[in-house]
Amino acid sequence: MNEEQTDKNTSLKEKEKKQVSILRSGNSKAILEILKELRTDGRNSILPEVIELMSGSENEEVKAACQSLLNDLKSQDSTDFLIAALKEPDYNNIRGELLSACWQNALDYHPHILLFADLLIKEEYAASIEAYTLIENCLAHLDDKVIVQLITTLTNGIGQVSEEKKRLIESLLGIIREY
């Protein structure tokens, strides 16, 4: 690696450290400015900080700005951070918002389809609708083996849910079988 590249990497790391420091500062005005900056000049590696902030902040404007940023992600590499957060029990309080971000940013989540099926079964109704939509949007990318696993997961889970969610799952099973 040449000296210029090393300097650039050092500069990016320093910038990210400063951004993280501000995101953790509790200063809502500064946090909102950094969130705006991250839209054009942010790296995926800072997403865990944004998710943590969204989960822990009591400021509705900050939470909305975090949500908006996650909704507008364009890098496929960012999906790993959202999937990790969806699996993290510490983020149960924002699971619906994370699912919504996955749906809204329209990145490819098909490798995680069984996670979404599990969340559809286990989460509250509003989050289940988000998982339903994600599954529906991924169907075209699934091979037959995964579709069979998906049908099995949903069919096995149908006995564990409310009548309202049962109708949701039955609807989704109908769509999957038509594929």
N, C-alpha and C. Protein backbone atom coordinates (compact mmCIF):
# COMPACT_ATOMS: atom_id res chain seq x y z
N MET A 1 0.85 -1.17 0.00
CA MET A 1 0.00 0.00 0.00
C MET A 1 0.90 1.23 0.00
N ASN A 2 0.59 2.17 -0.85
CA ASN A 2 1.44 3.36 -0.92
C ASN A 2 1.09 4.35 0.19
N GLU A 3 1.95 5.33 0.35
CA GLU A 3 1.81 6.29 1.44
C GLU A 3 0.52 7.11 1.33
N GLU A 4 0.16 7.47 0.10
CA GLU A 4 -1.05 8.26 -0.12
C GLU A 4 -2.30 7.49 0.32
N GLN A 5 -2.33 6.20 -0.03
CA GLN A 5 -3.46 5.35 0.36
C GLN A 5 -3.51 5.18 1.88
N THR A 6 -2.37 5.02 2.50
CA THR A 6 -2.30 4.88 3.96
C THR A 6 -2.82 6.15 4.63
N ASP A 7 -2.42 7.31 4.13
CA ASP A 7 -2.90 8.59 4.68
C ASP A 7 -4.41 8.73 4.53
N LYS A 8 -4.93 8.31 3.37
CA LYS A 8 -6.36 8.40 3.12
C LYS A 8 -7.13 7.49 4.10
N ASN A 9 -6.64 6.26 4.30
CA ASN A 9 -7.29 5.34 5.22
C ASN A 9 -7.25 5.87 6.65
N THR A 10 -6.13 6.45 7.05
CA THR A 10 -6.01 7.04 8.38
C THR A 10 -6.99 8.19 8.54
N SER A 11 -7.09 9.01 7.51
CA SER A 11 -8.01 10.14 7.54
C SER A 11 -9.47 9.68 7.66
N LEU A 12 -9.83 8.64 6.91
CA LEU A 12 -11.19 8.10 6.98
C LEU A 12 -11.49 7.53 8.36
N LYS A 13 -10.53 6.84 8.95
CA LYS A 13 -10.72 6.28 10.29
C LYS A 13 -10.90 7.38 11.32
N GLU A 14 -10.12 8.43 11.19
CA GLU A 14 -10.24 9.57 12.12
C GLU A 14 -11.60 10.24 11.97
N LYS A 15 -12.03 10.40 10.73
CA LYS A 15 -13.34 11.03 10.48
C LYS A 15 -14.46 10.18 11.08
N GLU A 16 -14.36 8.87 10.90
CA GLU A 16 -15.38 7.98 11.44
C GLU A 16 -15.36 8.01 12.97
N LYS A 17 -14.20 8.07 13.58
CA LYS A 17 -14.12 8.18 15.04
C LYS A 17 -14.83 9.44 15.53
N LYS A 18 -14.63 10.53 14.82
CA LYS A 18 -15.28 11.79 15.19
C LYS A 18 -16.79 11.66 15.04
N GLN A 19 -17.25 11.04 13.94
CA GLN A 19 -18.68 10.85 13.72
C GLN A 19 -19.29 10.00 14.84
N VAL A 20 -18.61 8.92 15.20
CA VAL A 20 -19.10 8.04 16.27
C VAL A 20 -19.17 8.81 17.58
N SER A 21 -18.16 9.59 17.85
CA SER A 21 -18.13 10.39 19.07
C SER A 21 -19.34 11.33 19.14
N ILE A 22 -19.67 11.95 18.04
CA ILE A 22 -20.83 12.85 18.01
C ILE A 22 -22.14 12.07 18.14
N LEU A 23 -22.22 10.92 17.47
CA LEU A 23 -23.44 10.10 17.58
C LEU A 23 -23.68 9.67 19.03
N ARG A 24 -22.62 9.51 19.79
CA ARG A 24 -22.72 9.09 21.19
C ARG A 24 -22.84 10.27 22.16
N SER A 25 -22.76 11.47 21.65
CA SER A 25 -22.65 12.66 22.51
C SER A 25 -23.93 13.05 23.25
N GLY A 26 -25.08 12.70 22.70
CA GLY A 26 -26.33 13.13 23.31
C GLY A 26 -26.76 14.52 22.85
N ASN A 27 -25.96 15.17 22.05
CA ASN A 27 -26.28 16.50 21.52
C ASN A 27 -27.13 16.32 20.26
N SER A 28 -28.42 16.48 20.41
CA SER A 28 -29.36 16.18 19.31
C SER A 28 -29.06 16.97 18.04
N LYS A 29 -28.75 18.24 18.20
CA LYS A 29 -28.47 19.06 17.02
C LYS A 29 -27.24 18.54 16.26
N ALA A 30 -26.18 18.23 16.98
CA ALA A 30 -24.96 17.71 16.35
C ALA A 30 -25.21 16.32 15.75
N ILE A 31 -25.99 15.51 16.44
CA ILE A 31 -26.31 14.17 15.94
C ILE A 31 -27.07 14.27 14.63
N LEU A 32 -28.05 15.15 14.57
CA LEU A 32 -28.83 15.31 13.33
C LEU A 32 -27.95 15.77 12.18
N GLU A 33 -26.99 16.64 12.47
CA GLU A 33 -26.05 17.09 11.43
C GLU A 33 -25.20 15.93 10.92
N ILE A 34 -24.72 15.10 11.84
CA ILE A 34 -23.89 13.95 11.44
C ILE A 34 -24.73 12.95 10.64
N LEU A 35 -25.96 12.72 11.06
CA LEU A 35 -26.82 11.80 10.31
C LEU A 35 -27.04 12.31 8.89
N LYS A 36 -27.16 13.61 8.73
CA LYS A 36 -27.31 14.21 7.40
C LYS A 36 -26.02 14.00 6.61
N GLU A 37 -24.89 14.20 7.26
CA GLU A 37 -23.58 14.02 6.61
C GLU A 37 -23.38 12.57 6.17
N LEU A 38 -23.81 11.63 7.00
CA LEU A 38 -23.63 10.21 6.70
C LEU A 38 -24.36 9.79 5.42
N ARG A 39 -25.41 10.49 5.07
CA ARG A 39 -26.16 10.17 3.85
C ARG A 39 -25.28 10.27 2.60
N THR A 40 -24.35 11.22 2.61
CA THR A 40 -23.51 11.41 1.43
C THR A 40 -22.07 10.97 1.66
N ASP A 41 -21.67 10.92 2.91
CA ASP A 41 -20.26 10.69 3.20
C ASP A 41 -20.08 9.70 4.35
N GLY A 42 -20.90 8.66 4.36
CA GLY A 42 -20.81 7.69 5.44
C GLY A 42 -20.35 6.34 4.94
N ARG A 43 -19.78 5.59 5.83
CA ARG A 43 -19.34 4.22 5.52
C ARG A 43 -20.26 3.24 6.24
N ASN A 44 -20.41 2.07 5.66
CA ASN A 44 -21.27 1.05 6.25
C ASN A 44 -20.86 0.68 7.66
N SER A 45 -19.59 0.78 7.96
CA SER A 45 -19.09 0.38 9.27
C SER A 45 -19.67 1.21 10.41
N ILE A 46 -20.27 2.33 10.11
CA ILE A 46 -20.86 3.18 11.15
C ILE A 46 -22.33 2.81 11.42
N LEU A 47 -22.90 1.94 10.61
CA LEU A 47 -24.31 1.58 10.77
C LEU A 47 -24.65 0.99 12.14
N PRO A 48 -23.78 0.18 12.75
CA PRO A 48 -24.12 -0.29 14.11
C PRO A 48 -24.33 0.86 15.10
N GLU A 49 -23.58 1.94 14.94
CA GLU A 49 -23.76 3.10 15.81
C GLU A 49 -25.11 3.78 15.55
N VAL A 50 -25.51 3.85 14.29
CA VAL A 50 -26.80 4.45 13.94
C VAL A 50 -27.94 3.59 14.51
N ILE A 51 -27.81 2.30 14.40
CA ILE A 51 -28.84 1.39 14.91
C ILE A 51 -28.91 1.48 16.44
N GLU A 52 -27.77 1.52 17.08
CA GLU A 52 -27.72 1.65 18.54
C GLU A 52 -28.38 2.97 18.97
N LEU A 53 -28.07 4.04 18.26
CA LEU A 53 -28.65 5.34 18.55
C LEU A 53 -30.17 5.29 18.39
N MET A 54 -30.63 4.68 17.31
CA MET A 54 -32.06 4.58 17.06
C MET A 54 -32.76 3.80 18.17
N SER A 55 -32.12 2.77 18.66
CA SER A 55 -32.69 1.95 19.71
C SER A 55 -32.73 2.67 21.06
N GLY A 56 -31.69 3.43 21.34
CA GLY A 56 -31.56 4.02 22.66
C GLY A 56 -32.03 5.46 22.81
N SER A 57 -32.23 6.15 21.73
CA SER A 57 -32.58 7.56 21.81
C SER A 57 -34.05 7.75 22.20
N GLU A 58 -34.28 8.76 22.99
CA GLU A 58 -35.65 9.13 23.34
C GLU A 58 -36.12 10.31 22.51
N ASN A 59 -35.23 10.88 21.71
CA ASN A 59 -35.54 12.02 20.87
C ASN A 59 -36.18 11.52 19.57
N GLU A 60 -37.43 11.84 19.36
CA GLU A 60 -38.17 11.34 18.20
C GLU A 60 -37.57 11.83 16.87
N GLU A 61 -37.04 13.03 16.85
CA GLU A 61 -36.44 13.56 15.63
C GLU A 61 -35.18 12.78 15.27
N VAL A 62 -34.38 12.45 16.27
CA VAL A 62 -33.17 11.65 16.05
C VAL A 62 -33.55 10.25 15.58
N LYS A 63 -34.53 9.65 16.23
CA LYS A 63 -34.98 8.31 15.82
C LYS A 63 -35.48 8.32 14.37
N ALA A 64 -36.24 9.35 14.02
CA ALA A 64 -36.77 9.46 12.65
C ALA A 64 -35.63 9.65 11.65
N ALA A 65 -34.62 10.42 12.00
CA ALA A 65 -33.48 10.62 11.11
C ALA A 65 -32.70 9.32 10.92
N CYS A 66 -32.55 8.56 11.99
CA CYS A 66 -31.89 7.25 11.88
C CYS A 66 -32.69 6.33 10.96
N GLN A 67 -34.01 6.30 11.18
CA GLN A 67 -34.88 5.47 10.36
C GLN A 67 -34.78 5.86 8.89
N SER A 68 -34.82 7.14 8.63
CA SER A 68 -34.74 7.63 7.26
C SER A 68 -33.42 7.23 6.60
N LEU A 69 -32.35 7.33 7.34
CA LEU A 69 -31.04 6.92 6.81
C LEU A 69 -31.04 5.44 6.46
N LEU A 70 -31.56 4.61 7.35
CA LEU A 70 -31.60 3.16 7.09
C LEU A 70 -32.54 2.84 5.93
N ASN A 71 -33.63 3.58 5.81
CA ASN A 71 -34.57 3.37 4.70
C ASN A 71 -33.93 3.66 3.35
N ASP A 72 -32.96 4.55 3.33
CA ASP A 72 -32.39 5.02 2.07
C ASP A 72 -31.03 4.41 1.73
N LEU A 73 -30.62 3.37 2.44
CA LEU A 73 -29.33 2.74 2.15
C LEU A 73 -29.31 2.25 0.71
N LYS A 74 -28.15 2.37 0.08
CA LYS A 74 -28.00 1.95 -1.32
C LYS A 74 -26.95 0.86 -1.52
N SER A 75 -26.12 0.63 -0.54
CA SER A 75 -25.03 -0.33 -0.65
C SER A 75 -25.49 -1.72 -0.19
N GLN A 76 -25.34 -2.71 -1.06
CA GLN A 76 -25.72 -4.08 -0.71
C GLN A 76 -24.95 -4.56 0.52
N ASP A 77 -23.74 -4.07 0.71
CA ASP A 77 -22.93 -4.47 1.87
C ASP A 77 -23.58 -4.06 3.19
N SER A 78 -24.46 -3.09 3.16
CA SER A 78 -25.10 -2.64 4.39
C SER A 78 -26.13 -3.64 4.91
N THR A 79 -26.56 -4.56 4.08
CA THR A 79 -27.57 -5.53 4.52
C THR A 79 -27.07 -6.37 5.69
N ASP A 80 -25.79 -6.67 5.72
CA ASP A 80 -25.24 -7.49 6.80
C ASP A 80 -25.46 -6.84 8.16
N PHE A 81 -25.36 -5.52 8.22
CA PHE A 81 -25.54 -4.81 9.48
C PHE A 81 -27.00 -4.84 9.93
N LEU A 82 -27.91 -4.71 8.99
CA LEU A 82 -29.33 -4.76 9.34
C LEU A 82 -29.74 -6.17 9.76
N ILE A 83 -29.23 -7.17 9.08
CA ILE A 83 -29.55 -8.55 9.44
C ILE A 83 -29.00 -8.86 10.83
N ALA A 84 -27.78 -8.44 11.12
CA ALA A 84 -27.20 -8.65 12.45
C ALA A 84 -28.06 -7.98 13.52
N ALA A 85 -28.53 -6.78 13.24
CA ALA A 85 -29.38 -6.07 14.21
C ALA A 85 -30.72 -6.78 14.40
N LEU A 86 -31.29 -7.32 13.32
CA LEU A 86 -32.55 -8.04 13.43
C LEU A 86 -32.42 -9.28 14.32
N LYS A 87 -31.25 -9.87 14.33
CA LYS A 87 -30.99 -11.07 15.13
C LYS A 87 -30.67 -10.73 16.59
N GLU A 88 -30.37 -9.49 16.86
CA GLU A 88 -29.90 -9.07 18.19
C GLU A 88 -31.08 -8.80 19.12
N PRO A 89 -31.19 -9.55 20.22
CA PRO A 89 -32.29 -9.32 21.17
C PRO A 89 -32.33 -7.91 21.75
N ASP A 90 -31.19 -7.25 21.83
CA ASP A 90 -31.15 -5.88 22.37
C ASP A 90 -31.95 -4.89 21.52
N TYR A 91 -32.25 -5.28 20.30
CA TYR A 91 -32.97 -4.38 19.40
C TYR A 91 -34.42 -4.79 19.18
N ASN A 92 -34.96 -5.56 20.11
CA ASN A 92 -36.38 -5.94 20.02
C ASN A 92 -37.28 -4.71 19.92
N ASN A 93 -36.88 -3.62 20.59
CA ASN A 93 -37.71 -2.42 20.62
C ASN A 93 -37.80 -1.70 19.27
N ILE A 94 -36.91 -2.02 18.35
CA ILE A 94 -36.95 -1.38 17.02
C ILE A 94 -37.01 -2.41 15.89
N ARG A 95 -37.36 -3.63 16.22
CA ARG A 95 -37.36 -4.68 15.18
C ARG A 95 -38.29 -4.33 14.03
N GLY A 96 -39.46 -3.81 14.32
CA GLY A 96 -40.39 -3.41 13.26
C GLY A 96 -39.80 -2.35 12.36
N GLU A 97 -39.11 -1.39 12.96
CA GLU A 97 -38.48 -0.31 12.18
C GLU A 97 -37.33 -0.86 11.31
N LEU A 98 -36.60 -1.83 11.86
CA LEU A 98 -35.51 -2.43 11.09
C LEU A 98 -36.07 -3.22 9.89
N LEU A 99 -37.15 -3.95 10.13
CA LEU A 99 -37.81 -4.67 9.03
C LEU A 99 -38.32 -3.69 7.98
N SER A 100 -38.89 -2.60 8.44
CA SER A 100 -39.37 -1.59 7.52
C SER A 100 -38.23 -1.02 6.68
N ALA A 101 -37.09 -0.79 7.31
CA ALA A 101 -35.92 -0.27 6.58
C ALA A 101 -35.48 -1.26 5.51
N CYS A 102 -35.49 -2.55 5.85
CA CYS A 102 -35.11 -3.57 4.86
C CYS A 102 -36.05 -3.52 3.65
N TRP A 103 -37.31 -3.38 3.92
CA TRP A 103 -38.29 -3.32 2.83
C TRP A 103 -38.11 -2.02 2.03
N GLN A 104 -37.95 -0.91 2.72
CA GLN A 104 -37.90 0.39 2.05
C GLN A 104 -36.62 0.61 1.26
N ASN A 105 -35.49 0.09 1.73
CA ASN A 105 -34.26 0.35 0.99
C ASN A 105 -34.13 -0.56 -0.24
N ALA A 106 -34.99 -1.55 -0.35
CA ALA A 106 -35.09 -2.40 -1.55
C ALA A 106 -33.79 -3.07 -1.95
N LEU A 107 -32.94 -3.36 -0.97
CA LEU A 107 -31.74 -4.13 -1.26
C LEU A 107 -32.12 -5.60 -1.29
N ASP A 108 -31.20 -6.46 -1.67
CA ASP A 108 -31.49 -7.89 -1.82
C ASP A 108 -31.28 -8.62 -0.49
N TYR A 109 -32.36 -9.10 0.09
CA TYR A 109 -32.31 -9.82 1.36
C TYR A 109 -32.68 -11.29 1.20
N HIS A 110 -32.75 -11.79 -0.03
CA HIS A 110 -33.24 -13.16 -0.21
C HIS A 110 -32.43 -14.23 0.52
N PRO A 111 -31.12 -14.06 0.75
CA PRO A 111 -30.41 -15.10 1.50
C PRO A 111 -30.92 -15.24 2.95
N HIS A 112 -31.70 -14.30 3.42
CA HIS A 112 -32.16 -14.29 4.81
C HIS A 112 -33.66 -14.55 4.92
N ILE A 113 -34.22 -15.14 3.92
CA ILE A 113 -35.67 -15.32 3.83
C ILE A 113 -36.22 -16.11 5.02
N LEU A 114 -35.48 -17.11 5.50
CA LEU A 114 -35.99 -17.91 6.62
C LEU A 114 -36.00 -17.11 7.92
N LEU A 115 -35.09 -16.16 8.06
CA LEU A 115 -35.13 -15.25 9.20
C LEU A 115 -36.42 -14.42 9.15
N PHE A 116 -36.76 -13.94 7.99
CA PHE A 116 -37.98 -13.14 7.85
C PHE A 116 -39.22 -13.99 8.13
N ALA A 117 -39.19 -15.25 7.72
CA ALA A 117 -40.32 -16.14 8.00
C ALA A 117 -40.46 -16.33 9.51
N ASP A 118 -39.33 -16.51 10.18
CA ASP A 118 -39.34 -16.67 11.64
C ASP A 118 -39.87 -15.40 12.31
N LEU A 119 -39.46 -14.25 11.84
CA LEU A 119 -39.92 -12.98 12.41
C LEU A 119 -41.41 -12.77 12.12
N LEU A 120 -41.86 -13.18 10.95
CA LEU A 120 -43.28 -13.07 10.63
C LEU A 120 -44.11 -13.84 11.66
N ILE A 121 -43.61 -15.00 12.04
CA ILE A 121 -44.32 -15.86 13.00
C ILE A 121 -44.24 -15.29 14.42
N LYS A 122 -43.07 -14.82 14.81
CA LYS A 122 -42.84 -14.49 16.22
C LYS A 122 -43.10 -13.04 16.61
N GLU A 123 -43.03 -12.12 15.68
CA GLU A 123 -43.14 -10.70 16.02
C GLU A 123 -44.59 -10.24 16.10
N GLU A 124 -44.76 -9.02 16.62
CA GLU A 124 -46.08 -8.40 16.67
C GLU A 124 -46.60 -8.22 15.25
N TYR A 125 -47.90 -8.01 15.15
CA TYR A 125 -48.56 -7.97 13.85
C TYR A 125 -47.96 -6.94 12.88
N ALA A 126 -47.69 -5.73 13.35
CA ALA A 126 -47.15 -4.69 12.46
C ALA A 126 -45.80 -5.11 11.90
N ALA A 127 -44.94 -5.67 12.72
CA ALA A 127 -43.64 -6.14 12.24
C ALA A 127 -43.82 -7.34 11.30
N SER A 128 -44.82 -8.16 11.59
CA SER A 128 -45.10 -9.32 10.74
C SER A 128 -45.48 -8.89 9.32
N ILE A 129 -46.21 -7.80 9.22
CA ILE A 129 -46.58 -7.29 7.89
C ILE A 129 -45.33 -6.88 7.11
N GLU A 130 -44.38 -6.26 7.80
CA GLU A 130 -43.12 -5.87 7.15
C GLU A 130 -42.37 -7.12 6.67
N ALA A 131 -42.32 -8.15 7.53
CA ALA A 131 -41.65 -9.40 7.16
C ALA A 131 -42.36 -10.06 5.97
N TYR A 132 -43.68 -10.03 5.98
CA TYR A 132 -44.49 -10.56 4.88
C TYR A 132 -44.09 -9.90 3.56
N THR A 133 -44.01 -8.58 3.59
CA THR A 133 -43.67 -7.83 2.38
C THR A 133 -42.26 -8.16 1.90
N LEU A 134 -41.33 -8.29 2.84
CA LEU A 134 -39.96 -8.66 2.47
C LEU A 134 -39.93 -10.03 1.80
N ILE A 135 -40.64 -10.98 2.39
CA ILE A 135 -40.68 -12.33 1.81
C ILE A 135 -41.28 -12.28 0.41
N GLU A 136 -42.38 -11.59 0.28
CA GLU A 136 -43.05 -11.48 -1.01
C GLU A 136 -42.10 -10.89 -2.07
N ASN A 137 -41.33 -9.88 -1.69
CA ASN A 137 -40.41 -9.23 -2.62
C ASN A 137 -39.20 -10.10 -2.98
N CYS A 138 -38.92 -11.09 -2.16
CA CYS A 138 -37.75 -11.95 -2.40
C CYS A 138 -38.08 -13.21 -3.20
N LEU A 139 -39.33 -13.51 -3.37
CA LEU A 139 -39.72 -14.80 -3.95
C LEU A 139 -39.07 -15.08 -5.31
N ALA A 140 -38.94 -14.09 -6.13
CA ALA A 140 -38.38 -14.30 -7.47
C ALA A 140 -36.92 -14.76 -7.44
N HIS A 141 -36.25 -14.55 -6.31
CA HIS A 141 -34.82 -14.89 -6.20
C HIS A 141 -34.57 -16.24 -5.54
N LEU A 142 -35.62 -16.94 -5.15
CA LEU A 142 -35.46 -18.16 -4.38
C LEU A 142 -35.45 -19.39 -5.26
N ASP A 143 -34.61 -20.35 -4.90
CA ASP A 143 -34.63 -21.63 -5.62
C ASP A 143 -35.66 -22.55 -4.96
N ASP A 144 -35.95 -23.65 -5.62
CA ASP A 144 -37.00 -24.56 -5.16
C ASP A 144 -36.74 -25.09 -3.75
N LYS A 145 -35.49 -25.40 -3.44
CA LYS A 145 -35.15 -25.94 -2.12
C LYS A 145 -35.51 -24.94 -1.02
N VAL A 146 -35.18 -23.69 -1.23
CA VAL A 146 -35.47 -22.66 -0.23
C VAL A 146 -36.98 -22.41 -0.14
N ILE A 147 -37.66 -22.47 -1.25
CA ILE A 147 -39.12 -22.30 -1.23
C ILE A 147 -39.77 -23.40 -0.39
N VAL A 148 -39.29 -24.62 -0.54
CA VAL A 148 -39.82 -25.73 0.27
C VAL A 148 -39.54 -25.48 1.75
N GLN A 149 -38.34 -25.01 2.08
CA GLN A 149 -38.01 -24.68 3.48
C GLN A 149 -38.91 -23.56 4.00
N LEU A 150 -39.15 -22.58 3.17
CA LEU A 150 -39.99 -21.46 3.54
C LEU A 150 -41.42 -21.91 3.82
N ILE A 151 -41.96 -22.72 2.92
CA ILE A 151 -43.31 -23.25 3.11
C ILE A 151 -43.39 -24.07 4.39
N THR A 152 -42.38 -24.90 4.63
CA THR A 152 -42.35 -25.73 5.84
C THR A 152 -42.31 -24.87 7.10
N THR A 153 -41.47 -23.86 7.10
CA THR A 153 -41.35 -22.96 8.26
C THR A 153 -42.67 -22.26 8.54
N LEU A 154 -43.28 -21.72 7.50
CA LEU A 154 -44.55 -21.01 7.68
C LEU A 154 -45.67 -21.95 8.10
N THR A 155 -45.72 -23.12 7.50
CA THR A 155 -46.76 -24.10 7.83
C THR A 155 -46.61 -24.57 9.28
N ASN A 156 -45.38 -24.81 9.70
CA ASN A 156 -45.15 -25.24 11.08
C ASN A 156 -45.47 -24.13 12.08
N GLY A 157 -45.29 -22.91 11.68
CA GLY A 157 -45.52 -21.78 12.58
C GLY A 157 -46.96 -21.34 12.68
N ILE A 158 -47.78 -21.76 11.75
CA ILE A 158 -49.15 -21.26 11.70
C ILE A 158 -49.96 -21.62 12.95
N GLY A 159 -49.62 -22.71 13.60
CA GLY A 159 -50.33 -23.11 14.81
C GLY A 159 -49.95 -22.29 16.03
N GLN A 160 -48.92 -21.48 15.92
CA GLN A 160 -48.42 -20.71 17.07
C GLN A 160 -48.90 -19.26 17.09
N VAL A 161 -49.71 -18.88 16.12
CA VAL A 161 -50.03 -17.46 15.95
C VAL A 161 -51.51 -17.17 16.16
N SER A 162 -51.81 -15.89 16.29
CA SER A 162 -53.19 -15.43 16.42
C SER A 162 -53.95 -15.67 15.12
N GLU A 163 -55.27 -15.56 15.20
CA GLU A 163 -56.10 -15.73 14.01
C GLU A 163 -55.73 -14.69 12.93
N GLU A 164 -55.47 -13.48 13.37
CA GLU A 164 -55.11 -12.40 12.45
C GLU A 164 -53.83 -12.75 11.68
N LYS A 165 -52.83 -13.21 12.41
CA LYS A 165 -51.57 -13.58 11.75
C LYS A 165 -51.72 -14.88 10.95
N LYS A 166 -52.59 -15.75 11.40
CA LYS A 166 -52.84 -16.99 10.66
C LYS A 166 -53.32 -16.65 9.25
N ARG A 167 -54.23 -15.67 9.14
CA ARG A 167 -54.73 -15.25 7.82
C ARG A 167 -53.59 -14.66 6.98
N LEU A 168 -52.73 -13.91 7.63
CA LEU A 168 -51.59 -13.33 6.94
C LEU A 168 -50.67 -14.42 6.37
N ILE A 169 -50.37 -15.41 7.19
CA ILE A 169 -49.50 -16.51 6.76
C ILE A 169 -50.17 -17.33 5.67
N GLU A 170 -51.46 -17.60 5.83
CA GLU A 170 -52.17 -18.36 4.80
C GLU A 170 -52.16 -17.62 3.47
N SER A 171 -52.32 -16.31 3.52
CA SER A 171 -52.26 -15.49 2.31
C SER A 171 -50.89 -15.61 1.65
N LEU A 172 -49.85 -15.50 2.46
CA LEU A 172 -48.49 -15.61 1.93
C LEU A 172 -48.22 -17.00 1.37
N LEU A 173 -48.69 -18.03 2.06
CA LEU A 173 -48.51 -19.39 1.52
C LEU A 173 -49.19 -19.54 0.16
N GLY A 174 -50.34 -18.94 0.00
CA GLY A 174 -51.02 -18.97 -1.31
C GLY A 174 -50.18 -18.31 -2.39
N ILE A 175 -49.59 -17.18 -2.08
CA ILE A 175 -48.74 -16.47 -3.04
C ILE A 175 -47.51 -17.31 -3.38
N ILE A 176 -46.90 -17.90 -2.36
CA ILE A 176 -45.69 -18.71 -2.58
C ILE A 176 -46.01 -19.90 -3.47
N ARG A 177 -47.11 -20.56 -3.20
CA ARG A 177 -47.47 -21.76 -3.99
C ARG A 177 -47.77 -21.42 -5.43
N GLU A 178 -48.22 -20.19 -5.70
CA GLU A 178 -48.47 -19.77 -7.08
C GLU A 178 -47.18 -19.50 -7.85
N TYR A 179 -46.10 -19.29 -7.13
CA TYR A 179 -44.83 -19.02 -7.78
C TYR A 179 -44.36 -20.24 -8.46
